[in-house]
Amino acid sequence: MYKQPKPIIRAVPHGDLFSTINDSIRKYITNSNNHPFQNCLNCKHWSFEKDLCNKFGARPPTEIIVYSCSAYEDGEEIPF
């Protein structure tokens, strides 16, 4: 027997929802830690041999490796 799903009613009015989405996108774009090319693998502190950050002497969590951290320093080398 088919059971029809109940619709989900949004708790936030559409105007507020669009404002929230717009604010989130603006914060994402203006935050330099979210740029995809600023990550541990192209930071000058990353050690490929030891697989850790030389600045802090530890292996960062996965989300930091992918999205970067505030101590990111771009090496002046072109990676390609």
N, C-alpha and C. Protein backbone atom coordinates (compact mmCIF):
# COMPACT_ATOMS: atom_id res chain seq x y z
N MET A 1 0.83 -1.17 0.00
CA MET A 1 0.00 0.00 0.00
C MET A 1 0.89 1.25 0.00
N TYR A 2 0.56 2.17 -0.86
CA TYR A 2 1.33 3.42 -0.99
C TYR A 2 0.97 4.38 0.14
N LYS A 3 2.00 4.89 0.78
CA LYS A 3 1.78 5.87 1.84
C LYS A 3 2.34 7.20 1.36
N GLN A 4 1.48 8.18 1.20
CA GLN A 4 1.89 9.48 0.68
C GLN A 4 2.68 10.23 1.74
N PRO A 5 3.87 10.74 1.36
CA PRO A 5 4.67 11.47 2.35
C PRO A 5 4.04 12.82 2.68
N LYS A 6 4.27 13.25 3.90
CA LYS A 6 3.76 14.55 4.32
C LYS A 6 4.74 15.63 3.87
N PRO A 7 4.25 16.76 3.37
CA PRO A 7 5.16 17.82 2.95
C PRO A 7 5.86 18.47 4.15
N ILE A 8 7.07 18.88 3.94
CA ILE A 8 7.83 19.56 4.99
C ILE A 8 7.55 21.05 4.88
N ILE A 9 7.06 21.62 5.95
CA ILE A 9 6.78 23.05 5.96
C ILE A 9 8.01 23.76 6.51
N ARG A 10 8.50 24.71 5.76
CA ARG A 10 9.69 25.44 6.18
C ARG A 10 9.37 26.32 7.38
N ALA A 11 10.30 26.30 8.32
CA ALA A 11 10.12 27.12 9.52
C ALA A 11 10.49 28.57 9.25
N VAL A 12 11.28 28.79 8.21
CA VAL A 12 11.74 30.14 7.88
C VAL A 12 10.98 30.63 6.65
N PRO A 13 10.41 31.84 6.68
CA PRO A 13 9.77 32.37 5.47
C PRO A 13 10.77 32.47 4.32
N HIS A 14 10.26 32.45 3.09
CA HIS A 14 11.14 32.43 1.92
C HIS A 14 12.09 33.62 1.88
N GLY A 15 11.62 34.80 2.25
CA GLY A 15 12.49 35.98 2.24
C GLY A 15 13.68 35.81 3.17
N ASP A 16 13.41 35.28 4.36
CA ASP A 16 14.50 35.04 5.31
C ASP A 16 15.41 33.91 4.83
N LEU A 17 14.83 32.91 4.18
CA LEU A 17 15.63 31.80 3.67
C LEU A 17 16.60 32.30 2.61
N PHE A 18 16.12 33.11 1.66
CA PHE A 18 17.00 33.64 0.62
C PHE A 18 18.06 34.55 1.21
N SER A 19 17.70 35.33 2.22
CA SER A 19 18.66 36.19 2.88
C SER A 19 19.75 35.37 3.56
N THR A 20 19.35 34.28 4.20
CA THR A 20 20.30 33.39 4.87
C THR A 20 21.24 32.75 3.85
N ILE A 21 20.71 32.30 2.74
CA ILE A 21 21.54 31.70 1.70
C ILE A 21 22.51 32.73 1.14
N ASN A 22 22.01 33.94 0.88
CA ASN A 22 22.86 35.00 0.35
C ASN A 22 23.98 35.34 1.33
N ASP A 23 23.67 35.44 2.61
CA ASP A 23 24.69 35.73 3.62
C ASP A 23 25.73 34.61 3.69
N SER A 24 25.27 33.37 3.61
CA SER A 24 26.20 32.24 3.65
C SER A 24 27.15 32.24 2.46
N ILE A 25 26.62 32.52 1.29
CA ILE A 25 27.46 32.56 0.09
C ILE A 25 28.46 33.71 0.18
N ARG A 26 28.01 34.87 0.64
CA ARG A 26 28.91 36.02 0.77
C ARG A 26 30.04 35.72 1.76
N LYS A 27 29.70 35.11 2.90
CA LYS A 27 30.72 34.76 3.89
C LYS A 27 31.70 33.74 3.33
N TYR A 28 31.18 32.78 2.54
CA TYR A 28 32.05 31.77 1.96
C TYR A 28 33.02 32.38 0.96
N ILE A 29 32.54 33.30 0.13
CA ILE A 29 33.39 33.90 -0.89
C ILE A 29 34.43 34.82 -0.28
N THR A 30 34.05 35.58 0.73
CA THR A 30 34.98 36.55 1.32
C THR A 30 35.95 35.92 2.31
N ASN A 31 35.71 34.70 2.75
CA ASN A 31 36.61 34.04 3.69
C ASN A 31 37.73 33.37 2.90
N SER A 32 38.96 33.82 3.09
CA SER A 32 40.08 33.31 2.30
C SER A 32 40.42 31.87 2.64
N ASN A 33 39.95 31.35 3.78
CA ASN A 33 40.24 29.97 4.13
C ASN A 33 39.44 28.97 3.31
N ASN A 34 38.44 29.42 2.56
CA ASN A 34 37.58 28.53 1.81
C ASN A 34 38.00 28.35 0.35
N HIS A 35 39.05 28.99 -0.08
CA HIS A 35 39.46 28.85 -1.47
C HIS A 35 40.06 27.46 -1.69
N PRO A 36 39.67 26.77 -2.74
CA PRO A 36 40.05 25.37 -2.90
C PRO A 36 41.54 25.14 -3.11
N PHE A 37 42.28 26.16 -3.53
CA PHE A 37 43.70 25.93 -3.78
C PHE A 37 44.55 26.27 -2.57
N GLN A 38 43.95 26.77 -1.51
CA GLN A 38 44.70 27.02 -0.28
C GLN A 38 44.46 25.85 0.66
N ASN A 39 45.27 24.84 0.54
CA ASN A 39 45.15 23.70 1.44
C ASN A 39 46.54 23.24 1.85
N CYS A 40 46.60 22.27 2.71
CA CYS A 40 47.88 21.83 3.25
C CYS A 40 48.84 21.32 2.17
N LEU A 41 48.29 20.72 1.13
CA LEU A 41 49.16 20.11 0.13
C LEU A 41 49.95 21.13 -0.69
N ASN A 42 49.53 22.41 -0.71
CA ASN A 42 50.34 23.40 -1.40
C ASN A 42 50.78 24.53 -0.47
N CYS A 43 50.73 24.29 0.83
CA CYS A 43 51.25 25.25 1.82
C CYS A 43 52.75 24.99 1.98
N LYS A 44 53.50 26.04 2.23
CA LYS A 44 54.95 25.86 2.33
C LYS A 44 55.36 25.14 3.62
N HIS A 45 54.46 24.99 4.58
CA HIS A 45 54.77 24.30 5.83
C HIS A 45 54.55 22.79 5.74
N TRP A 46 53.91 22.30 4.67
CA TRP A 46 53.55 20.89 4.57
C TRP A 46 54.76 20.05 4.20
N SER A 47 54.96 18.95 4.89
CA SER A 47 56.04 18.02 4.61
C SER A 47 55.44 16.74 4.02
N PHE A 48 55.74 16.49 2.74
CA PHE A 48 55.23 15.28 2.10
C PHE A 48 55.92 14.03 2.63
N GLU A 49 57.18 14.16 3.01
CA GLU A 49 57.91 13.00 3.51
C GLU A 49 57.35 12.52 4.84
N LYS A 50 57.06 13.46 5.74
CA LYS A 50 56.56 13.11 7.08
C LYS A 50 55.05 13.09 7.14
N ASP A 51 54.38 13.65 6.13
CA ASP A 51 52.92 13.74 6.09
C ASP A 51 52.38 14.51 7.30
N LEU A 52 53.02 15.67 7.57
CA LEU A 52 52.58 16.51 8.67
C LEU A 52 52.96 17.96 8.42
N CYS A 53 52.42 18.84 9.25
CA CYS A 53 52.70 20.27 9.15
C CYS A 53 53.97 20.59 9.92
N ASN A 54 54.95 21.17 9.25
CA ASN A 54 56.21 21.50 9.91
C ASN A 54 56.06 22.66 10.89
N LYS A 55 55.10 23.53 10.67
CA LYS A 55 54.92 24.68 11.56
C LYS A 55 54.46 24.24 12.94
N PHE A 56 53.54 23.28 13.00
CA PHE A 56 52.99 22.84 14.28
C PHE A 56 53.50 21.47 14.71
N GLY A 57 54.21 20.78 13.82
CA GLY A 57 54.78 19.48 14.16
C GLY A 57 53.75 18.39 14.39
N ALA A 58 52.61 18.50 13.72
CA ALA A 58 51.55 17.50 13.88
C ALA A 58 50.79 17.34 12.57
N ARG A 59 50.07 16.23 12.47
CA ARG A 59 49.22 16.02 11.29
C ARG A 59 47.86 16.65 11.57
N PRO A 60 47.44 17.61 10.75
CA PRO A 60 46.16 18.28 10.99
C PRO A 60 44.97 17.37 10.70
N PRO A 61 43.80 17.73 11.25
CA PRO A 61 42.59 16.98 10.92
C PRO A 61 42.26 17.09 9.43
N THR A 62 41.48 16.18 8.93
CA THR A 62 41.16 16.12 7.51
C THR A 62 40.55 17.41 7.01
N GLU A 63 39.63 18.01 7.76
CA GLU A 63 38.98 19.24 7.30
C GLU A 63 39.97 20.38 7.16
N ILE A 64 41.00 20.43 7.99
CA ILE A 64 42.03 21.46 7.86
C ILE A 64 42.90 21.19 6.64
N ILE A 65 43.23 19.93 6.40
CA ILE A 65 44.04 19.57 5.23
C ILE A 65 43.32 19.99 3.95
N VAL A 66 42.02 19.79 3.90
CA VAL A 66 41.26 20.10 2.69
C VAL A 66 40.97 21.59 2.55
N TYR A 67 40.53 22.23 3.63
CA TYR A 67 40.05 23.61 3.54
C TYR A 67 41.05 24.67 3.97
N SER A 68 42.19 24.31 4.47
CA SER A 68 43.24 25.23 4.88
C SER A 68 43.06 25.69 6.32
N CYS A 69 44.03 26.45 6.79
CA CYS A 69 43.97 27.00 8.15
C CYS A 69 44.45 28.44 8.12
N SER A 70 44.38 29.09 9.25
CA SER A 70 44.76 30.51 9.31
C SER A 70 46.27 30.70 9.18
N ALA A 71 47.06 29.65 9.38
CA ALA A 71 48.51 29.76 9.27
C ALA A 71 49.01 29.42 7.87
N TYR A 72 48.10 29.30 6.90
CA TYR A 72 48.47 28.95 5.53
C TYR A 72 49.40 30.01 4.95
N GLU A 73 50.50 29.57 4.35
CA GLU A 73 51.41 30.47 3.65
C GLU A 73 51.68 29.88 2.28
N ASP A 74 51.41 30.66 1.29
CA ASP A 74 51.59 30.23 -0.08
C ASP A 74 53.07 30.22 -0.42
N GLY A 75 53.55 29.07 -0.87
CA GLY A 75 54.91 29.01 -1.37
C GLY A 75 54.97 29.78 -2.67
N GLU A 76 56.06 30.41 -2.95
CA GLU A 76 56.14 31.23 -4.16
C GLU A 76 56.44 30.41 -5.39
N GLU A 77 56.41 29.12 -5.24
CA GLU A 77 56.66 28.24 -6.38
C GLU A 77 55.36 27.99 -7.12
N ILE A 78 55.44 27.86 -8.43
CA ILE A 78 54.28 27.49 -9.23
C ILE A 78 54.18 25.97 -9.18
N PRO A 79 53.01 25.44 -8.76
CA PRO A 79 52.92 23.99 -8.53
C PRO A 79 52.80 23.13 -9.79
N PHE A 80 52.89 23.72 -10.99
CA PHE A 80 52.77 22.90 -12.20
C PHE A 80 53.92 23.15 -13.14
